[in-house]
C-alpha cells in the first residue's frame, strides 16, 4: 500500500482537525473564492506547512483540502438542522461558526471549493468527504460562481493576505538578544509587515519581564498579516502565540497535557511572573480546586484561565467541554485602608492598561475622600465601564461595612454605604 493510501485510510484526530481549522481561519478561507487555482493553491500548502510545524506530519495539501470540504459540508448540514440536533452532534460547530460568520447559508457548501490543489492519484478529496460526511459530494463551482459568492460573504482581502510558510528560528532559549537578532533578519528579508512588527515589539516587552523558567523548552508563534514566525527552544512543553486582539497584541499560552488533566499538570512554572487579580484565592489555586473535584483528573476538556494579562489554556486530546476561570479583582489592604495602598493599586492598574476612564474617576474620588472609608473588616467596591475592583481590609470573608463607589449614566461618581447592624462577637 502506498503512503498516500495509508494516510487516506487514517481518520483525522481532533487535534489535527482543530489545527487545520485554526490555520484556515487565520487565512480567511471564506474570502478565497476568486477561482485562481495557481494562487489559491498556496492556501492549503501554507496550512500544510503550519500543521507540520505544529507536529502533524501525516497529511498532505490534497488531504487537507479534502478534510476542509468534508467539514464544510457537515457544517452546512448542521446549519439546515440548526433548530434540531445538528449543532449538538457536530463537534466542530463552534469553530466553524467563527470561520463562516457572515456567509449566507446558501453559499456555505461552496466556500473554498475550488482552491486549485491538484490530486495526481485521483480525486482523493471525494473519498475523504464520503468517509467523513456520509457520502455527501459537493457540486463543482466555476470561477464565476465563486466570485459572486465572495461578494456575498465577508469583505474582500487581497491575495497578499495569504500567509506564506512559517519562518522558524531555533534558539537555546527565548532571550532578548537572540530575539532582536531574528527581528533584524526578518526586516532584511522584507517579511516585517505592520502586524508582525507590532506583535514582535510586544514579545520584546514581555520577554524583558519574563522569568527564565518560562523561556526554556517553549515554542513561540508570532502572527503577521502575511507571515508566521516561530521560535523554538528545546523540547517545548509550553506554547505561546502572539496575535492581534481587539485592543492590540495579546500573548496566549497553551499547555498540551496527556489523556487526563490533573493537579500535577498545573505547574507553578506556568504562572511564574504572573500577579493574580485575586489576592485571596489565586487563579492557580482555583484551577487546582476545579481539577481536584474529579478523582483521577479530567478528560476531554480544556481549561481556560483569563487573569489580567495571563491567557493560559490546558488542553487534553479531543476536548468536548470548556471550563473557564476568571478571577475577581480583589485586593488585600491588610488591616486598614491607606493612601499608599490606594496609589499602589491605581498605579499597577494603569501600567497594565486595566484602568478605564470610569474607574479612574472612582479612584480619584476614593483618594480625595479616603478618611471616610477607614475601618477594619471593610469592603470597598469600585465599579464602572463593566469592570469591578474590590478593596478589602481585615477579614476577607466578613465585612462590617461595605462601600460602593460607581459612575452613573451621566458618568458622575456616586457612593453608597451599607453598614452591618447585626454584629456579634465571634469569640
Protein backbone atom coordinates (compact mmCIF):
# COMPACT_ATOMS: atom_id res chain seq x y z
CA UNK A 1 0.00 0.00 0.00
CA UNK A 2 1.36 3.43 -0.89
CA UNK A 3 1.97 6.10 1.75
CA UNK A 4 -0.85 8.15 0.30
CA UNK A 5 -3.27 5.22 0.54
CA UNK A 6 -2.14 4.61 4.11
CA UNK A 7 -2.75 8.21 5.06
CA UNK A 8 -6.09 8.23 3.27
CA UNK A 9 -7.41 5.43 5.45
CA UNK A 10 -6.29 7.06 8.68
CA UNK A 11 -9.03 9.05 10.39
CA UNK A 12 -8.35 12.63 11.35
CA UNK A 13 -7.84 13.27 15.07
CA UNK A 14 -9.48 16.16 16.90
CA UNK A 15 -6.14 17.93 17.35
CA UNK A 16 -5.30 17.61 13.64
CA UNK A 17 -8.70 18.96 12.62
CA UNK A 18 -8.62 21.83 15.08
CA UNK A 19 -5.12 22.83 13.91
CA UNK A 20 -6.44 22.76 10.33
CA UNK A 21 -9.47 24.92 11.14
CA UNK A 22 -7.45 27.38 13.18
CA UNK A 23 -5.00 27.82 10.31
CA UNK A 24 -7.78 28.27 7.74
CA UNK A 25 -9.49 30.81 9.97
CA UNK A 26 -6.33 32.90 10.16
CA UNK A 27 -6.09 32.76 6.38
CA UNK A 28 -9.72 33.86 5.90
CA UNK A 29 -10.83 30.82 3.92
CA UNK A 30 -14.27 32.28 3.17
CA UNK A 31 -12.64 35.10 1.24
CA UNK A 32 -10.52 32.89 -1.03
CA UNK A 33 -13.12 32.48 -3.73
CA UNK A 34 -11.63 34.07 -6.82
CA UNK A 35 -11.15 30.77 -8.66
CA UNK A 36 -7.47 31.41 -9.40
CA UNK A 37 -6.14 27.93 -8.83
CA UNK A 38 -2.45 28.71 -9.02
CA UNK A 39 -2.82 31.39 -6.33
CA UNK A 40 -5.44 29.74 -4.14
CA UNK A 41 -3.48 26.50 -4.14
CA UNK A 42 -0.91 28.29 -1.98
CA UNK A 43 -3.51 28.45 0.78
CA UNK A 44 -3.60 24.73 1.53
CA UNK A 45 0.15 24.45 1.03
CA UNK A 46 0.61 27.14 3.71
CA UNK A 47 -1.77 25.26 6.02
CA UNK A 48 0.23 22.10 5.31
CA UNK A 49 3.45 23.86 6.37
CA UNK A 50 1.87 25.19 9.56
CA UNK A 51 0.47 21.78 10.50
CA UNK A 52 3.89 20.19 10.01
CA UNK A 53 5.44 22.87 12.23
CA UNK A 54 2.80 22.04 14.82
CA UNK A 55 3.81 18.37 14.84
CA UNK A 56 1.25 16.94 12.40
CA UNK A 57 3.29 15.22 9.67
CA UNK A 58 0.80 12.69 8.27
CA UNK A 59 -1.17 14.94 5.91
CA UNK A 60 -0.55 16.49 2.51
CA UNK A 61 -2.23 19.54 0.90
CA UNK A 62 -4.69 17.36 -1.02
CA UNK A 63 -5.88 15.64 2.16
CA UNK A 64 -6.12 18.97 3.96
CA UNK A 65 -8.32 20.33 1.18
CA UNK A 66 -10.50 17.20 1.27
CA UNK A 67 -10.89 17.44 5.04
CA UNK A 68 -11.98 21.06 4.74
CA UNK A 69 -14.59 20.16 2.11
CA UNK A 70 -16.00 17.40 4.32
CA UNK A 71 -16.17 19.71 7.35
CA UNK A 72 -17.80 22.43 5.29
CA UNK A 73 -20.50 20.00 4.12
CA UNK A 74 -21.13 18.71 7.64
CA UNK A 75 -21.44 22.28 8.84
CA UNK A 76 -23.93 23.08 6.06
CA UNK A 77 -25.98 20.03 7.03
CA UNK A 78 -25.93 21.09 10.70
CA UNK A 79 -26.92 24.63 9.69
CA UNK A 80 -30.01 23.35 7.92
CA UNK A 81 -30.91 21.44 11.07
CA UNK A 82 -29.98 24.29 13.41
CA UNK A 83 -33.25 24.13 15.33
CA UNK A 84 -32.80 20.40 15.85
CA UNK A 85 -29.81 18.32 16.90
CA UNK A 86 -27.47 19.43 14.11
CA UNK A 87 -25.11 21.70 16.07
CA UNK A 88 -25.03 19.41 19.12
CA UNK A 89 -23.88 16.42 17.06
CA UNK A 90 -21.18 18.28 15.13
CA UNK A 91 -18.22 18.69 17.46
CA UNK A 92 -16.59 21.44 15.38
CA UNK A 93 -19.74 23.58 15.25
CA UNK A 94 -18.42 26.49 17.35
CA UNK A 95 -15.17 26.76 15.40
CA UNK A 96 -16.95 26.56 12.05
CA UNK A 97 -19.36 29.26 13.22
CA UNK A 98 -16.39 31.57 13.81
CA UNK A 99 -14.92 30.78 10.40
CA UNK A 100 -18.17 31.04 8.43
CA UNK A 101 -19.64 34.05 10.24
CA UNK A 102 -21.24 36.42 7.76
CA UNK A 103 -21.56 33.89 4.93
CA UNK A 104 -25.13 33.20 3.73
CA UNK A 105 -26.40 29.65 4.24
CA UNK A 106 -26.93 29.19 0.50
CA UNK A 107 -23.20 29.71 -0.03
CA UNK A 108 -21.85 27.59 2.82
CA UNK A 109 -21.43 24.42 0.76
CA UNK A 110 -19.50 26.36 -1.89
CA UNK A 111 -16.97 28.17 0.27
CA UNK A 112 -13.39 27.32 -0.65
CA UNK A 113 -14.30 24.52 -3.07
CA UNK A 114 -12.07 25.44 -5.97
CA UNK A 115 -8.75 26.06 -4.31
CA UNK A 116 -6.53 24.65 -7.01
CA UNK A 117 -4.72 21.76 -5.36
CA UNK A 118 -4.13 19.04 -7.91
CA UNK A 119 -4.68 15.39 -6.97
CA UNK A 120 -2.33 13.30 -9.10
CA UNK A 121 -3.58 9.97 -7.72
CA UNK A 122 -7.24 10.60 -8.42
CA UNK A 123 -9.92 12.53 -6.57
CA UNK A 124 -8.73 11.87 -3.05
CA UNK A 125 -10.97 14.66 -1.78
CA UNK A 126 -14.13 12.83 -2.82
CA UNK A 127 -13.14 9.66 -0.95
CA UNK A 128 -12.37 11.55 2.25
CA UNK A 129 -15.60 13.55 2.05
CA UNK A 130 -17.62 10.35 1.74
CA UNK A 131 -15.81 8.89 4.76
CA UNK A 132 -16.37 11.98 6.95
CA UNK A 133 -19.75 13.25 5.78
CA UNK A 134 -21.80 10.19 4.98
CA UNK A 135 -21.22 10.21 1.22
CA UNK A 136 -22.11 13.83 0.53
CA UNK A 137 -20.37 15.09 -2.59
CA UNK A 138 -20.38 18.88 -3.25
CA UNK A 139 -21.20 20.35 -6.60
CA UNK A 140 -18.28 21.77 -8.56
CA UNK A 141 -18.06 25.56 -8.71
CA UNK A 142 -16.88 27.75 -11.53
CA UNK A 143 -14.74 30.85 -11.12
CA UNK A 144 -17.79 33.00 -11.95
CA UNK A 145 -19.89 31.43 -9.20
CA UNK A 146 -17.01 31.74 -6.75
CA UNK A 147 -16.70 35.44 -7.49
CA UNK A 148 -20.39 36.05 -6.74
CA UNK A 149 -20.13 34.03 -3.53
CA UNK A 150 -17.15 36.02 -2.37
CA UNK A 151 -19.08 39.25 -2.83
CA UNK A 152 -21.95 37.86 -0.77
CA UNK A 153 -19.66 36.80 2.09
CA UNK A 154 -17.16 38.76 4.15
CA UNK A 155 -15.27 41.79 2.90
CA UNK A 156 -12.66 41.04 0.28
CA UNK A 157 -8.99 40.91 1.14
CA UNK A 158 -6.24 40.96 -1.42
CA UNK A 159 -4.18 37.90 -2.28
CA UNK A 160 -1.27 39.37 -0.31
CA UNK A 161 -3.11 38.48 2.89
CA UNK A 162 -2.43 34.76 2.41
CA UNK A 163 0.28 33.89 4.87
CA UNK A 164 3.33 32.22 3.43
CA UNK A 165 5.08 29.26 5.05
CA UNK A 166 6.38 29.59 8.59
CA UNK A 167 9.76 31.22 9.15
CA UNK A 168 11.38 29.30 12.01
CA UNK A 169 14.25 30.15 14.36
CA UNK A 170 15.77 27.64 16.79
CA UNK A 171 17.20 29.22 19.93
CA UNK A 172 18.81 27.88 23.14
CA UNK A 173 16.20 29.95 24.99
CA UNK A 174 13.97 32.92 24.29
CA UNK A 175 16.45 35.60 25.30
CA UNK A 176 16.03 39.19 24.19
CA UNK A 177 19.33 39.38 22.29
CA UNK A 178 18.59 36.35 20.08
CA UNK A 179 15.04 37.54 19.54
CA UNK A 180 16.11 41.02 18.38
CA UNK A 181 18.71 39.43 16.08
CA UNK A 182 15.96 37.36 14.45
CA UNK A 183 13.85 40.50 14.07
CA UNK A 184 16.69 42.16 12.13
CA UNK A 185 16.84 39.17 9.76
CA UNK A 186 13.10 39.38 9.15
CA UNK A 187 13.44 43.06 8.26
CA UNK A 188 16.34 42.36 5.91
CA UNK A 189 14.27 39.69 4.12
CA UNK A 190 11.32 42.07 3.72
CA UNK A 191 9.00 39.98 5.89
CA UNK A 192 8.29 42.57 8.58
CA UNK A 193 4.71 43.80 7.91
CA UNK A 194 2.95 46.18 10.32
CA UNK A 195 1.13 43.48 12.32
CA UNK A 196 4.23 41.34 12.64
CA UNK A 197 6.28 44.32 13.75
CA UNK A 198 3.70 45.29 16.39
CA UNK A 199 3.45 41.73 17.69
CA UNK A 200 7.24 41.29 17.80
CA UNK A 201 7.60 44.53 19.75
CA UNK A 202 5.02 43.21 22.21
CA UNK A 203 7.03 39.99 22.58
CA UNK A 204 10.20 42.01 23.29
CA UNK A 205 8.44 43.83 26.13
CA UNK A 206 7.07 40.58 27.55
CA UNK A 207 10.43 38.78 27.33
CA UNK A 208 12.09 41.56 29.27
CA UNK A 209 9.87 40.76 32.27
CA UNK A 210 9.51 37.00 31.78
CA UNK A 211 11.41 34.69 34.17
CA UNK A 212 13.97 32.35 32.60
CA UNK A 213 11.96 29.25 33.53
CA UNK A 214 9.24 30.35 31.09
CA UNK A 215 11.71 30.96 28.25
CA UNK A 216 13.22 27.44 28.03
CA UNK A 217 11.61 24.42 26.36
CA UNK A 218 8.94 26.56 24.77
CA UNK A 219 7.66 27.50 21.33
CA UNK A 220 6.53 30.95 20.29
CA UNK A 221 4.37 31.58 17.22
CA UNK A 222 4.08 35.23 16.16
CA UNK A 223 1.41 36.17 13.62
CA UNK A 224 1.71 38.84 10.96
CA UNK A 225 -0.56 39.85 8.11
CA UNK A 226 1.23 37.63 5.59
CA UNK A 227 3.89 35.83 7.61
CA UNK A 228 4.06 33.43 10.54
CA UNK A 229 7.28 33.36 12.57
CA UNK A 230 8.06 30.57 15.00
CA UNK A 231 10.74 30.45 17.69
CA UNK A 232 11.60 27.08 19.25
CA UNK A 233 13.66 26.40 22.36
CA UNK A 234 14.50 22.84 23.44
CA UNK A 235 11.58 20.41 23.70
CA UNK A 236 8.51 22.65 24.03
CA UNK A 237 6.04 21.89 26.80
CA UNK A 238 4.61 25.40 26.82
CA UNK A 239 3.39 27.01 23.60
CA UNK A 240 2.98 30.76 23.13
CA UNK A 241 1.06 32.55 20.40
CA UNK A 242 1.14 36.32 19.89
CA UNK A 243 -1.60 37.79 17.73
CA UNK A 244 -3.60 40.97 17.26
CA UNK A 245 -6.51 41.10 19.73
CA UNK A 246 -9.34 43.61 19.96
CA UNK A 247 -7.17 46.08 21.90
CA UNK A 248 -3.78 45.28 20.38
CA UNK A 249 -1.23 42.45 20.63
CA UNK A 250 -2.01 39.66 23.09
CA UNK A 251 0.04 36.71 24.35
CA UNK A 252 -1.71 33.34 24.58
CA UNK A 253 -0.21 30.33 26.38
CA UNK A 254 -1.18 26.72 25.77
CA UNK A 255 -0.14 23.52 27.53
CA UNK A 256 -0.97 20.22 25.82
CA UNK A 257 -1.40 17.65 28.59
CA UNK A 258 -1.90 13.88 28.40
CA UNK A 259 -5.20 11.99 28.42
CA UNK A 260 -6.10 13.48 31.81
CA UNK A 261 -5.80 16.96 33.26
CA UNK A 262 -4.62 16.58 36.86
CA UNK A 263 -3.33 18.87 39.59
CA UNK A 264 0.20 17.88 38.57
CA UNK A 265 -0.50 19.24 35.06
CA UNK A 266 -0.97 22.73 36.51
CA UNK A 267 2.58 23.68 37.42
CA UNK A 268 3.83 26.75 39.28
CA UNK A 269 6.23 27.49 36.44
CA UNK A 270 3.27 28.19 34.12
CA UNK A 271 2.32 31.10 36.39
CA UNK A 272 5.85 32.40 37.03
CA UNK A 273 5.95 36.19 36.86
CA UNK A 274 2.16 36.48 36.96
CA UNK A 275 0.39 38.54 39.62
CA UNK A 276 -3.13 37.22 40.13
CA UNK A 277 -6.06 39.64 40.23
CA UNK A 278 -7.31 37.94 43.39
CA UNK A 279 -5.12 38.35 46.49
CA UNK A 280 -7.21 35.85 48.47
CA UNK A 281 -7.52 32.93 46.05
CA UNK A 282 -5.09 32.78 43.13
CA UNK A 283 -6.04 31.55 39.68
CA UNK A 284 -3.67 28.60 40.13
CA UNK A 285 -5.40 27.64 43.39
CA UNK A 286 -8.78 27.83 41.68
CA UNK A 287 -7.51 25.66 38.84
CA UNK A 288 -6.28 23.07 41.34
CA UNK A 289 -9.69 23.11 43.02
CA UNK A 290 -11.53 22.59 39.72
CA UNK A 291 -9.33 19.66 38.73
CA UNK A 292 -9.24 18.24 42.25
CA UNK A 293 -13.01 17.80 42.37
CA UNK A 294 -12.72 14.90 39.91
CA UNK A 295 -10.93 11.76 41.09
CA UNK A 296 -8.15 10.88 38.67
CA UNK A 297 -8.39 14.21 36.81
CA UNK A 298 -10.48 15.44 33.91
CA UNK A 299 -10.69 14.03 30.37
CA UNK A 300 -11.88 15.52 27.07
CA UNK A 301 -11.71 19.04 28.46
CA UNK A 302 -9.89 22.31 28.05
CA UNK A 303 -9.30 24.64 30.98
CA UNK A 304 -9.00 28.33 30.14
CA UNK A 305 -7.61 30.84 32.63
CA UNK A 306 -8.02 34.56 31.96
CA UNK A 307 -6.49 36.69 34.70
CA UNK A 308 -5.14 40.13 33.93
CA UNK A 309 -2.57 39.73 31.15
CA UNK A 310 -2.49 35.92 31.55
CA UNK A 311 -4.28 33.83 28.91
CA UNK A 312 -3.43 30.21 29.71
CA UNK A 313 -5.16 27.12 28.28
CA UNK A 314 -4.67 23.49 29.29
CA UNK A 315 -5.87 21.07 26.62
CA UNK A 316 -6.45 17.32 26.70
CA UNK A 317 -6.85 15.29 23.49
CA UNK A 318 -10.28 15.73 21.86
CA UNK A 319 -11.74 18.31 24.28
CA UNK A 320 -15.52 18.35 24.30
CA UNK A 321 -16.08 20.80 27.16
CA UNK A 322 -14.52 24.07 28.25
CA UNK A 323 -14.03 25.28 31.82
CA UNK A 324 -13.21 28.97 32.30
CA UNK A 325 -11.60 30.64 35.29
CA UNK A 326 -11.85 34.42 35.51
CA UNK A 327 -10.83 35.58 39.00
CA UNK A 328 -12.43 38.62 40.56
CA UNK A 329 -10.16 41.63 41.10
CA UNK A 330 -9.80 41.57 44.90
CA UNK A 331 -7.05 43.49 46.69
CA UNK A 332 -5.91 42.75 50.24
CA UNK A 333 -5.42 46.07 52.03
CA UNK A 334 -4.20 44.49 55.25
CA UNK A 335 -5.71 45.81 58.46
CA UNK A 336 -6.81 49.20 57.12
CA UNK A 337 -7.03 51.38 54.02
CA UNK A 338 -4.05 53.70 53.42
CA UNK A 339 -3.27 56.29 50.77
CA UNK A 340 -0.11 54.38 49.88
CA UNK A 341 -2.09 51.20 49.16
CA UNK A 342 -4.66 53.04 47.01
CA UNK A 343 -1.91 54.64 44.93
CA UNK A 344 -0.12 51.29 44.59
CA UNK A 345 -3.27 49.60 43.23
CA UNK A 346 -4.08 52.54 40.96
CA UNK A 347 -0.54 52.66 39.54
CA UNK A 348 -0.50 48.90 38.90
CA UNK A 349 -3.79 49.02 37.01
CA UNK A 350 -2.63 51.98 34.92
CA UNK A 351 0.61 50.21 33.97
CA UNK A 352 -1.22 47.06 32.82
CA UNK A 353 -3.87 49.00 30.89
CA UNK A 354 -6.67 47.82 33.18
CA UNK A 355 -7.72 51.32 34.26
CA UNK A 356 -10.79 52.58 32.39
CA UNK A 357 -11.87 56.21 32.42
CA UNK A 358 -14.75 55.47 34.79
CA UNK A 359 -12.59 53.52 37.24
CA UNK A 360 -10.08 56.35 37.13
CA UNK A 361 -12.81 58.73 38.35
CA UNK A 362 -13.78 56.28 41.12
CA UNK A 363 -10.16 56.08 42.32
CA UNK A 364 -9.88 59.87 42.29
CA UNK A 365 -12.99 60.06 44.49
CA UNK A 366 -11.52 57.47 46.87
CA UNK A 367 -8.21 59.34 47.11
CA UNK A 368 -9.95 62.65 47.79
CA UNK A 369 -12.21 61.16 50.48
CA UNK A 370 -10.13 58.30 51.84
CA UNK A 371 -10.74 59.29 55.50
CA UNK A 372 -14.43 58.39 55.04
CA UNK A 373 -13.54 54.82 54.16
CA UNK A 374 -11.37 53.90 57.15
CA UNK A 375 -12.19 50.93 59.36
CA UNK A 376 -11.42 47.26 59.87
CA UNK A 377 -13.27 44.46 58.11
CA UNK A 378 -14.45 46.79 55.38
CA UNK A 379 -15.05 46.20 51.70
CA UNK A 380 -14.82 48.97 49.11
CA UNK A 381 -16.22 48.18 45.67
CA UNK A 382 -15.30 50.39 42.70
CA UNK A 383 -17.41 49.76 39.60
CA UNK A 384 -17.56 51.40 36.17
CA UNK A 385 -17.46 50.52 32.46
CA UNK A 386 -18.29 46.87 33.14
CA UNK A 387 -15.26 46.45 35.45
CA UNK A 388 -15.20 45.96 39.22
CA UNK A 389 -12.41 46.19 41.80
CA UNK A 390 -12.79 45.13 45.44
CA UNK A 391 -10.53 46.63 48.12
CA UNK A 392 -10.79 44.57 51.32
CA UNK A 393 -9.34 45.25 54.78
CA UNK A 394 -9.34 42.86 57.72
CA UNK A 395 -11.21 39.57 57.22
CA UNK A 396 -11.92 38.84 53.61
CA UNK A 397 -15.00 36.70 54.31
CA UNK A 398 -16.78 39.12 56.66
CA UNK A 399 -17.40 42.86 56.29
CA UNK A 400 -18.78 45.13 58.98
CA UNK A 401 -19.15 47.91 56.41
CA UNK A 402 -19.35 47.91 52.64
CA UNK A 403 -18.80 50.98 50.45
CA UNK A 404 -19.85 51.14 46.80
CA UNK A 405 -18.29 53.76 44.53
CA UNK A 406 -19.59 53.81 40.95
CA UNK A 407 -20.37 56.02 37.98
CA UNK A 408 -23.93 56.75 36.92
CA UNK A 409 -25.39 57.16 33.42
CA UNK A 410 -24.00 60.71 33.26
CA UNK A 411 -20.54 59.40 34.17
CA UNK A 412 -20.74 61.12 37.56
CA UNK A 413 -19.25 59.38 40.60
CA UNK A 414 -21.71 58.20 43.23
CA UNK A 415 -21.12 56.42 46.54
CA UNK A 416 -23.24 54.33 48.89
CA UNK A 417 -22.51 52.73 52.26
CA UNK A 418 -24.04 49.56 53.68
CA UNK A 419 -23.49 49.04 57.43
CA UNK A 420 -23.90 45.65 59.07
CA UNK A 421 -26.15 46.28 62.08
CA UNK A 422 -26.24 42.61 63.13
CA UNK A 423 -22.73 42.36 64.54
CA UNK A 424 -21.74 39.94 67.24
CA UNK A 425 -18.55 38.78 68.90
CA UNK A 426 -17.29 35.60 67.26
CA UNK A 427 -15.31 34.72 70.35
